[in-house]
Amino acid sequence: MTLHQSASFYGVNSRPLERTPGEYKYLSSKNDILAYYEAVRDNLLATGRVRYFALSEAKVDGPQPHQFKSLVTGAISAVSDSAKIVDATYTRGEIPSIHGAHLRYSVAEGVDLVPINDLPSRAASADWACYCIVGAGKTSMDAVIWLLNNGVAAEHIKWITPNDSWLQVREASTPPFFLGQGLTTKALFDLADALYPTLDNMTHDSLVSALETAGIFVRVDPNVEPSKFKGAVISWSELEQLRGVRDAGGIVRLGRVQELMTTLDGTRVRFENDILELPKLTLFVDCSADGNKQLPVVPVFGGTKITLQPIDALLSGSAAAIAHLEARAVPDAEKRRLASVVISRWASGANARRDIARAFYQSVVSKEAWKQDREFSGWFTTSRTFAEAHSIGRLNSIWEILKRPKTALRLVKMNQKLAPALRRVCIQEGGDC
């Protein structure tokens, strides 16, 4: 598996993660990422300003003094009462290898079930007649694509998807971008052409339809209305692979799994109101953990505690921005003001399209507030963890405008009207911005 988006967005400002600067299509592997952060850690330790306590358990929610304990020696260390605690665990998701399938459905003895981490080794352990992927999120898509890339025919894959999701197209959000807009020129101009005619009377339906028309959002099956959006990113080629499984009849939309069991002739999946019969040699792959849960928003800067949350569409940029704000010599009230909008990355149910409009609105108003602060604006527009730092040059921008002047004019007008239009949309049907 690799990163889902360009490596140019990830990591720290002082050290590129991509192999060479400007290699925007590079998606780092697990080994790349581990080596990168090991080097970052060693550089920080070499300064003498950082201490690192590996394999430790922290207890920071109880009364002071805050403490952490070494899981190797049992030694307990106290944290200064004046220290700020950075909680990077609040938004962590569940993963199948830790939050097992038994927490969500019953698994009878004799059923071959593994978390996705074990898929490569178990796939090679037998001549499986069927691979059944349980779960509808990005992890399940990665499992399906891995199987296809390793020679498994689409006809041998079953993919249980209780919900369909809106997906972001990787090619539309891979730098370089048009004037810091976070989209490629083609995607942005196509969006302007699709959205502009409906802007004055925009609805959440017309917004998401314009995103789909512009090739920024997609769905696996154009005939099925998605009820989820969690920011998953996919390429056009990967989308075609998933649609190949659909075309082979491999997508199962019978609801959530209640039980996996064996029978005399095969294996059986029981849903609330239905049954799916599968061959005896079926390997089930659990991808059903909630990797991106909906959580209540709490203050990012809360006295002596900093709680990491997305204040930008890019999570790496959010963490960098929070760190930069904390390092500035400004009052806590100013930090809280600039980090007051937590971007919603979760949409569900009948109002998924409205929730998407809300996330777009939050991102627009947050960036507008940042741009009013000269120092902060100067920093984030040059930080590699933000889209604004990966724009095409001015001369290239002029050339793109000359190729589509009418669309460029539409884009200018759209940007002027977008924030109030998004606000109208996200409060439709009783929504909240």
Protein backbone atom coordinates (compact mmCIF):
# COMPACT_ATOMS: atom_id res chain seq x y z
CA MET A 1 0.00 0.00 0.00
CA THR A 2 1.05 3.58 -0.55
CA LEU A 3 -0.08 7.08 0.33
CA HIS A 4 -3.41 7.99 -1.25
CA GLN A 5 -2.24 11.44 -2.36
CA SER A 6 0.96 13.03 -3.59
CA ALA A 7 3.90 12.68 -1.22
CA SER A 8 4.57 16.39 -1.75
CA PHE A 9 1.84 17.22 0.83
CA TYR A 10 3.11 15.00 3.63
CA GLY A 11 5.83 15.23 6.24
CA VAL A 12 7.57 18.31 7.63
CA ASN A 13 8.36 21.56 5.86
CA SER A 14 12.10 21.18 6.13
CA ARG A 15 12.34 17.80 4.40
CA PRO A 16 10.61 16.63 1.18
CA LEU A 17 9.02 13.20 1.31
CA GLU A 18 8.85 12.81 -2.47
CA ARG A 19 12.01 11.37 -4.01
CA THR A 20 12.81 14.53 -5.98
CA PRO A 21 11.21 17.99 -5.69
CA GLY A 22 8.34 18.35 -8.14
CA GLU A 23 7.75 14.61 -8.45
CA TYR A 24 4.11 15.17 -7.71
CA LYS A 25 2.79 11.80 -8.83
CA TYR A 26 4.94 9.87 -6.39
CA LEU A 27 3.01 7.97 -3.68
CA SER A 28 5.33 6.94 -0.85
CA SER A 29 5.40 3.36 0.39
CA LYS A 30 5.39 2.20 4.01
CA ASN A 31 9.18 1.79 3.95
CA ASP A 32 9.60 5.30 2.51
CA ILE A 33 7.51 6.78 5.32
CA LEU A 34 9.22 4.84 8.12
CA ALA A 35 12.68 5.85 6.87
CA TYR A 36 11.56 9.47 6.45
CA TYR A 37 10.26 9.89 9.98
CA GLU A 38 13.24 8.07 11.44
CA ALA A 39 15.46 10.67 9.76
CA VAL A 40 13.22 13.52 10.96
CA ARG A 41 13.35 12.17 14.52
CA ASP A 42 17.14 11.77 14.47
CA ASN A 43 17.60 15.31 13.20
CA LEU A 44 15.40 16.68 15.99
CA LEU A 45 17.22 14.65 18.64
CA ALA A 46 20.56 15.93 17.36
CA THR A 47 19.54 19.51 18.18
CA GLY A 48 19.31 18.69 21.88
CA ARG A 49 15.90 20.40 22.05
CA VAL A 50 13.89 17.19 21.78
CA ARG A 51 13.73 14.06 23.94
CA TYR A 52 12.06 10.89 22.72
CA PHE A 53 10.60 8.18 24.93
CA ALA A 54 9.72 5.18 22.81
CA LEU A 55 7.39 2.38 23.93
CA SER A 56 5.72 4.43 26.63
CA GLU A 57 2.15 4.75 27.86
CA ALA A 58 0.89 8.23 28.70
CA LYS A 59 -1.86 9.18 31.13
CA VAL A 60 -2.69 12.81 30.52
CA ASP A 61 -6.45 13.02 31.11
CA GLY A 62 -6.37 12.61 34.86
CA PRO A 63 -5.26 15.05 37.56
CA GLN A 64 -1.79 16.50 37.47
CA PRO A 65 1.01 15.68 37.64
CA HIS A 66 0.78 14.10 34.18
CA GLN A 67 2.89 11.00 33.85
CA PHE A 68 4.05 8.46 31.32
CA LYS A 69 5.34 4.96 31.90
CA SER A 70 7.95 2.95 30.01
CA LEU A 71 6.46 -0.32 28.80
CA VAL A 72 9.96 -1.81 28.80
CA THR A 73 11.32 -0.91 32.25
CA GLY A 74 8.21 0.28 34.06
CA ALA A 75 9.94 3.55 34.94
CA ILE A 76 7.50 6.44 35.51
CA SER A 77 8.35 9.96 34.38
CA ALA A 78 6.47 13.11 35.34
CA VAL A 79 5.63 15.94 32.96
CA SER A 80 6.05 19.53 34.09
CA ASP A 81 2.83 21.16 35.31
CA SER A 82 3.48 24.01 32.89
CA ALA A 83 3.90 21.74 29.85
CA LYS A 84 1.30 21.67 27.11
CA ILE A 85 -0.03 18.27 26.14
CA VAL A 86 -0.51 17.63 22.41
CA ASP A 87 -3.22 15.01 21.97
CA ALA A 88 -2.69 13.36 18.57
CA THR A 89 -5.01 10.46 19.49
CA TYR A 90 -8.38 12.24 19.44
CA THR A 91 -9.08 11.74 15.74
CA ARG A 92 -7.36 8.40 15.34
CA GLY A 93 -9.49 5.85 13.54
CA GLU A 94 -10.07 2.19 14.14
CA ILE A 95 -8.14 -0.36 12.08
CA PRO A 96 -9.14 -4.01 11.51
CA SER A 97 -5.89 -5.47 12.90
CA ILE A 98 -6.59 -3.91 16.32
CA HIS A 99 -10.39 -3.57 16.33
CA GLY A 100 -11.26 -7.10 15.27
CA ALA A 101 -14.27 -8.26 13.29
CA HIS A 102 -15.77 -9.96 16.39
CA LEU A 103 -16.63 -6.47 17.67
CA ARG A 104 -19.00 -5.97 14.72
CA TYR A 105 -20.31 -9.40 13.71
CA SER A 106 -20.19 -13.07 14.72
CA VAL A 107 -17.57 -15.35 13.23
CA ALA A 108 -18.12 -19.08 13.53
CA GLU A 109 -15.30 -21.55 14.07
CA GLY A 110 -13.78 -22.73 10.81
CA VAL A 111 -14.32 -19.49 8.90
CA ASP A 112 -11.15 -18.20 7.22
CA LEU A 113 -11.13 -14.51 8.18
CA VAL A 114 -8.15 -12.13 8.29
CA PRO A 115 -7.63 -8.39 8.69
CA ILE A 116 -6.30 -6.69 5.58
CA ASN A 117 -2.76 -6.64 7.03
CA ASP A 118 -2.63 -10.43 6.70
CA LEU A 119 -4.08 -10.58 3.18
CA PRO A 120 -0.76 -11.00 1.29
CA SER A 121 0.42 -13.94 3.40
CA ARG A 122 -2.96 -15.70 3.54
CA ALA A 123 -3.68 -15.15 -0.15
CA ALA A 124 -0.59 -17.20 -0.90
CA SER A 125 -1.46 -19.95 1.60
CA ALA A 126 -4.17 -21.71 -0.43
CA ASP A 127 -5.87 -21.88 -3.81
CA TRP A 128 -8.89 -19.82 -2.77
CA ALA A 129 -12.08 -20.15 -4.79
CA CYS A 130 -13.35 -16.76 -3.58
CA TYR A 131 -12.13 -13.68 -1.79
CA CYS A 132 -14.85 -11.86 0.16
CA ILE A 133 -14.04 -8.31 1.24
CA VAL A 134 -16.16 -7.08 4.17
CA GLY A 135 -16.48 -3.29 4.37
CA ALA A 136 -17.20 -0.34 2.11
CA GLY A 137 -14.48 2.20 2.89
CA LYS A 138 -11.11 3.02 1.35
CA THR A 139 -9.44 0.07 3.09
CA SER A 140 -11.80 -2.34 1.34
CA MET A 141 -11.09 -0.65 -1.99
CA ASP A 142 -7.37 -1.07 -1.38
CA ALA A 143 -7.95 -4.78 -0.68
CA VAL A 144 -9.92 -5.27 -3.90
CA ILE A 145 -7.32 -3.40 -5.97
CA TRP A 146 -4.47 -5.36 -4.37
CA LEU A 147 -6.15 -8.63 -5.32
CA LEU A 148 -6.72 -7.48 -8.91
CA ASN A 149 -3.13 -6.22 -9.22
CA ASN A 150 -1.90 -9.61 -8.03
CA GLY A 151 -3.72 -11.62 -10.65
CA VAL A 152 -7.04 -12.48 -8.98
CA ALA A 153 -9.87 -12.37 -11.51
CA ALA A 154 -12.78 -10.05 -10.78
CA GLU A 155 -15.11 -13.07 -10.97
CA HIS A 156 -13.46 -14.51 -7.84
CA ILE A 157 -14.05 -11.40 -5.70
CA LYS A 158 -17.11 -10.55 -3.60
CA TRP A 159 -17.17 -7.07 -2.09
CA ILE A 160 -19.75 -6.46 0.65
CA THR A 161 -20.57 -2.75 0.59
CA PRO A 162 -23.30 -1.65 3.01
CA ASN A 163 -22.87 1.95 1.81
CA ASP A 164 -21.48 3.62 -1.30
CA SER A 165 -19.22 6.64 -0.93
CA TRP A 166 -18.34 9.75 -2.85
CA LEU A 167 -14.66 9.57 -3.79
CA GLN A 168 -12.14 12.25 -4.74
CA VAL A 169 -10.22 11.79 -7.97
CA ARG A 170 -6.47 11.76 -7.41
CA GLU A 171 -5.62 13.25 -10.81
CA ALA A 172 -7.78 16.33 -10.05
CA SER A 173 -5.94 17.00 -6.79
CA THR A 174 -2.36 16.25 -7.82
CA PRO A 175 -0.12 19.36 -8.18
CA PRO A 176 0.69 21.63 -9.85
CA PHE A 177 -2.47 23.62 -9.15
CA PHE A 178 -4.00 26.69 -10.74
CA LEU A 179 -3.17 29.73 -8.58
CA GLY A 180 -3.27 27.92 -5.25
CA GLN A 181 -6.80 26.64 -5.71
CA GLY A 182 -6.03 23.07 -4.72
CA LEU A 183 -7.14 21.66 -8.10
CA THR A 184 -5.47 21.17 -11.43
CA THR A 185 -6.29 23.75 -14.10
CA LYS A 186 -8.51 21.36 -16.05
CA ALA A 187 -10.46 20.20 -12.99
CA LEU A 188 -10.94 23.76 -11.70
CA PHE A 189 -11.97 25.20 -15.06
CA ASP A 190 -14.32 22.28 -15.69
CA LEU A 191 -15.86 22.92 -12.27
CA ALA A 192 -16.34 26.61 -13.10
CA ASP A 193 -18.15 25.71 -16.33
CA ALA A 194 -20.36 23.15 -14.58
CA LEU A 195 -21.15 25.18 -11.45
CA TYR A 196 -21.39 28.74 -12.72
CA PRO A 197 -24.81 28.43 -14.43
CA THR A 198 -26.37 27.22 -11.16
CA LEU A 199 -24.44 29.42 -8.73
CA ASP A 200 -27.18 31.94 -7.92
CA ASN A 201 -29.63 29.13 -7.16
CA MET A 202 -27.14 26.49 -6.10
CA THR A 203 -28.30 23.48 -4.12
CA HIS A 204 -26.28 20.72 -2.56
CA ASP A 205 -27.42 18.49 -5.42
CA SER A 206 -26.17 20.88 -8.10
CA LEU A 207 -22.89 21.42 -6.23
CA VAL A 208 -22.05 17.73 -5.98
CA SER A 209 -23.29 17.10 -9.53
CA ALA A 210 -20.93 19.83 -10.76
CA LEU A 211 -18.04 18.22 -8.84
CA GLU A 212 -18.90 14.91 -10.52
CA THR A 213 -19.23 16.48 -13.97
CA ALA A 214 -15.82 18.12 -13.54
CA GLY A 215 -14.20 14.80 -12.64
CA ILE A 216 -13.37 15.89 -9.09
CA PHE A 217 -15.81 13.53 -7.36
CA VAL A 218 -16.77 10.06 -8.58
CA ARG A 219 -18.75 7.05 -7.42
CA VAL A 220 -18.10 3.41 -8.16
CA ASP A 221 -21.57 2.91 -9.63
CA PRO A 222 -23.13 5.96 -11.33
CA ASN A 223 -26.55 4.37 -10.77
CA VAL A 224 -26.22 4.20 -6.98
CA GLU A 225 -26.49 7.34 -4.83
CA PRO A 226 -23.66 7.41 -2.25
CA SER A 227 -24.59 7.98 1.37
CA LYS A 228 -21.05 8.52 2.68
CA PHE A 229 -18.13 10.89 2.19
CA LYS A 230 -14.95 10.46 4.20
CA GLY A 231 -12.40 12.07 1.90
CA ALA A 232 -11.20 8.85 0.24
CA VAL A 233 -9.02 9.40 -2.84
CA ILE A 234 -8.88 7.17 -5.90
CA SER A 235 -7.35 7.29 -9.38
CA TRP A 236 -9.27 6.82 -12.63
CA SER A 237 -7.49 3.51 -13.27
CA GLU A 238 -8.36 2.22 -9.80
CA LEU A 239 -11.97 3.27 -10.32
CA GLU A 240 -12.10 1.22 -13.51
CA GLN A 241 -10.76 -1.78 -11.61
CA LEU A 242 -13.52 -1.48 -9.00
CA ARG A 243 -16.11 -1.11 -11.73
CA GLY A 244 -14.78 -4.32 -13.24
CA VAL A 245 -15.73 -6.12 -10.01
CA ARG A 246 -19.16 -4.48 -10.21
CA ASP A 247 -19.59 -5.61 -13.82
CA ALA A 248 -18.69 -9.17 -12.79
CA GLY A 249 -21.50 -9.12 -10.21
CA GLY A 250 -19.07 -8.93 -7.32
CA ILE A 251 -20.56 -6.02 -5.36
CA VAL A 252 -22.95 -7.20 -2.64
CA ARG A 253 -25.40 -4.61 -1.29
CA LEU A 254 -27.41 -6.56 1.29
CA GLY A 255 -26.62 -4.44 4.34
CA ARG A 256 -24.23 -5.07 7.20
CA VAL A 257 -22.85 -8.50 7.99
CA GLN A 258 -24.40 -10.17 11.03
CA GLU A 259 -22.58 -13.51 10.96
CA LEU A 260 -20.04 -15.56 9.02
CA MET A 261 -20.47 -19.32 9.23
CA THR A 262 -19.52 -22.58 7.57
CA THR A 263 -21.94 -25.05 5.99
CA LEU A 264 -21.58 -28.59 4.67
CA ASP A 265 -20.98 -27.34 1.14
CA GLY A 266 -19.39 -23.93 1.65
CA THR A 267 -19.56 -20.75 3.69
CA ARG A 268 -22.46 -18.43 4.41
CA VAL A 269 -22.82 -14.73 5.15
CA ARG A 270 -25.90 -13.79 7.13
CA PHE A 271 -27.29 -10.28 6.89
CA GLU A 272 -30.25 -8.90 8.81
CA ASN A 273 -32.71 -9.82 6.06
CA ASP A 274 -30.76 -11.99 3.63
CA ILE A 275 -28.20 -14.75 3.12
CA LEU A 276 -25.18 -14.96 0.79
CA GLU A 277 -23.85 -18.41 -0.07
CA LEU A 278 -20.16 -18.70 -1.01
CA PRO A 279 -17.76 -21.54 -1.87
CA LYS A 280 -16.04 -23.58 0.81
CA LEU A 281 -12.59 -22.18 0.06
CA THR A 282 -13.50 -18.54 0.68
CA LEU A 283 -11.06 -16.15 2.35
CA PHE A 284 -12.85 -13.32 4.15
CA VAL A 285 -10.93 -10.07 4.53
CA ASP A 286 -12.18 -7.76 7.28
CA CYS A 287 -12.05 -4.08 6.31
CA SER A 288 -15.08 -3.04 8.35
CA ALA A 289 -13.48 -0.97 11.14
CA ASP A 290 -14.48 2.70 11.24
CA GLY A 291 -11.24 4.30 10.11
CA ASN A 292 -12.59 7.85 10.08
CA LYS A 293 -15.14 8.28 12.83
CA GLN A 294 -17.40 11.27 13.36
CA LEU A 295 -16.36 12.98 16.58
CA PRO A 296 -17.57 16.05 18.47
CA VAL A 297 -15.52 19.15 17.74
CA VAL A 298 -13.47 20.33 20.71
CA PRO A 299 -11.26 23.45 20.94
CA VAL A 300 -7.91 22.88 19.25
CA PHE A 301 -6.23 25.20 21.73
CA GLY A 302 -7.75 24.36 25.10
CA GLY A 303 -5.59 25.87 27.82
CA THR A 304 -2.78 23.44 28.57
CA LYS A 305 -3.95 20.93 25.97
CA ILE A 306 -3.72 21.02 22.17
CA THR A 307 -6.08 18.60 20.44
CA LEU A 308 -5.12 17.91 16.83
CA GLN A 309 -8.08 18.12 14.43
CA PRO A 310 -8.45 19.00 10.73
CA ILE A 311 -8.47 22.77 10.27
CA ASP A 312 -7.52 22.34 6.60
CA ALA A 313 -8.66 19.85 3.97
CA LEU A 314 -5.16 18.31 4.12
CA LEU A 315 -4.49 16.63 7.47
CA SER A 316 -0.73 17.16 7.25
CA GLY A 317 -1.34 20.85 6.67
CA SER A 318 -3.66 20.98 9.66
CA ALA A 319 -0.98 19.60 11.99
CA ALA A 320 1.64 21.95 10.56
CA ALA A 321 -0.66 24.97 10.94
CA ILE A 322 -1.47 24.12 14.56
CA ALA A 323 2.24 23.75 15.35
CA HIS A 324 3.01 27.06 13.62
CA LEU A 325 0.28 28.87 15.53
CA GLU A 326 1.50 27.48 18.84
CA ALA A 327 5.06 28.62 18.06
CA ARG A 328 3.92 32.20 17.34
CA ALA A 329 4.16 34.79 20.06
CA VAL A 330 0.46 35.66 19.95
CA PRO A 331 -2.27 35.43 22.59
CA ASP A 332 -4.15 32.17 22.96
CA ALA A 333 -7.33 33.94 21.84
CA GLU A 334 -5.73 34.65 18.45
CA LYS A 335 -4.63 31.02 18.10
CA ARG A 336 -8.15 29.88 18.89
CA ARG A 337 -9.62 32.32 16.35
CA LEU A 338 -7.42 31.07 13.51
CA ALA A 339 -8.07 27.44 14.44
CA SER A 340 -11.76 27.85 15.25
CA VAL A 341 -13.12 26.11 12.14
CA VAL A 342 -12.66 22.35 12.24
CA ILE A 343 -13.28 20.94 8.77
CA SER A 344 -15.92 18.23 8.61
CA ARG A 345 -14.56 15.13 6.89
CA TRP A 346 -17.60 12.98 7.50
CA ALA A 347 -20.93 12.84 5.67
CA SER A 348 -23.62 10.24 5.98
CA GLY A 349 -27.18 9.33 5.09
CA ALA A 350 -29.71 11.23 3.07
CA ASN A 351 -27.94 14.55 3.70
CA ALA A 352 -24.49 13.43 2.53
CA ARG A 353 -24.52 15.99 -0.29
CA ARG A 354 -25.42 18.78 2.12
CA ASP A 355 -22.62 17.71 4.46
CA ILE A 356 -20.18 17.91 1.55
CA ALA A 357 -21.31 21.50 0.92
CA ARG A 358 -20.71 22.25 4.60
CA ALA A 359 -17.14 20.95 4.41
CA PHE A 360 -16.49 23.09 1.32
CA TYR A 361 -17.93 26.14 3.08
CA GLN A 362 -15.83 25.55 6.20
CA SER A 363 -12.68 25.28 4.11
CA VAL A 364 -13.43 28.51 2.21
CA VAL A 365 -14.21 30.65 5.28
CA SER A 366 -11.24 29.24 7.19
CA LYS A 367 -8.79 30.11 4.42
CA GLU A 368 -10.31 33.60 4.05
CA ALA A 369 -9.65 34.23 7.75
CA TRP A 370 -6.09 32.99 7.41
CA LYS A 371 -5.43 35.29 4.49
CA GLN A 372 -6.26 38.32 6.64
CA ASP A 373 -3.29 37.53 8.88
CA ARG A 374 -0.23 38.59 6.87
CA GLU A 375 2.33 36.49 8.74
CA PHE A 376 0.21 33.35 8.80
CA SER A 377 -0.83 33.80 5.18
CA GLY A 378 2.80 34.17 4.11
CA TRP A 379 3.67 31.00 5.95
CA PHE A 380 0.91 28.66 4.78
CA THR A 381 1.12 29.73 1.12
CA THR A 382 4.74 28.56 1.08
CA SER A 383 4.40 25.46 3.28
CA ARG A 384 4.73 22.22 1.33
CA THR A 385 1.91 20.72 3.41
CA PHE A 386 -0.63 23.08 1.78
CA ALA A 387 -2.01 23.12 -1.74
CA GLU A 388 -1.22 26.83 -2.07
CA ALA A 389 2.50 26.08 -2.19
CA HIS A 390 2.17 23.91 -5.29
CA SER A 391 0.80 26.34 -7.86
CA ILE A 392 1.84 26.62 -11.48
CA GLY A 393 3.93 29.69 -12.29
CA ARG A 394 2.42 33.04 -13.28
CA LEU A 395 3.38 32.69 -16.92
CA ASN A 396 1.81 29.24 -17.09
CA SER A 397 -1.28 30.64 -15.38
CA ILE A 398 -1.61 33.33 -18.04
CA TRP A 399 -1.28 30.70 -20.76
CA GLU A 400 -4.04 28.58 -19.18
CA ILE A 401 -6.28 31.66 -19.00
CA LEU A 402 -5.66 32.51 -22.64
CA LYS A 403 -6.67 28.97 -23.65
CA ARG A 404 -10.03 29.27 -21.85
CA PRO A 405 -10.72 33.00 -21.30
CA LYS A 406 -14.49 32.63 -20.90
CA THR A 407 -14.03 29.95 -18.27
CA ALA A 408 -11.38 32.01 -16.48
CA LEU A 409 -13.86 34.90 -16.21
CA ARG A 410 -16.46 32.49 -14.87
CA LEU A 411 -13.94 31.32 -12.29
CA VAL A 412 -13.34 34.86 -11.04
CA LYS A 413 -17.09 35.47 -10.68
CA MET A 414 -17.58 32.06 -9.08
CA ASN A 415 -14.94 32.76 -6.43
CA GLN A 416 -16.66 36.04 -5.55
CA LYS A 417 -20.02 34.34 -5.02
CA LEU A 418 -18.93 30.95 -3.74
CA ALA A 419 -18.81 31.51 0.04
CA PRO A 420 -22.35 32.95 0.40
CA ALA A 421 -23.70 30.35 -2.03
CA LEU A 422 -22.11 27.53 -0.02
CA ARG A 423 -23.53 28.97 3.18
CA ARG A 424 -27.03 28.99 1.69
CA VAL A 425 -26.57 25.41 0.60
CA CYS A 426 -25.21 23.98 3.84
CA ILE A 427 -28.12 25.38 5.90
CA GLN A 428 -30.71 23.90 3.55
CA GLU A 429 -33.00 21.35 5.17
CA GLY A 430 -32.00 22.42 8.66
CA GLY A 431 -28.27 22.04 8.25
CA ASP A 432 -25.61 23.82 10.28
CA CYS A 433 -22.46 25.46 8.95
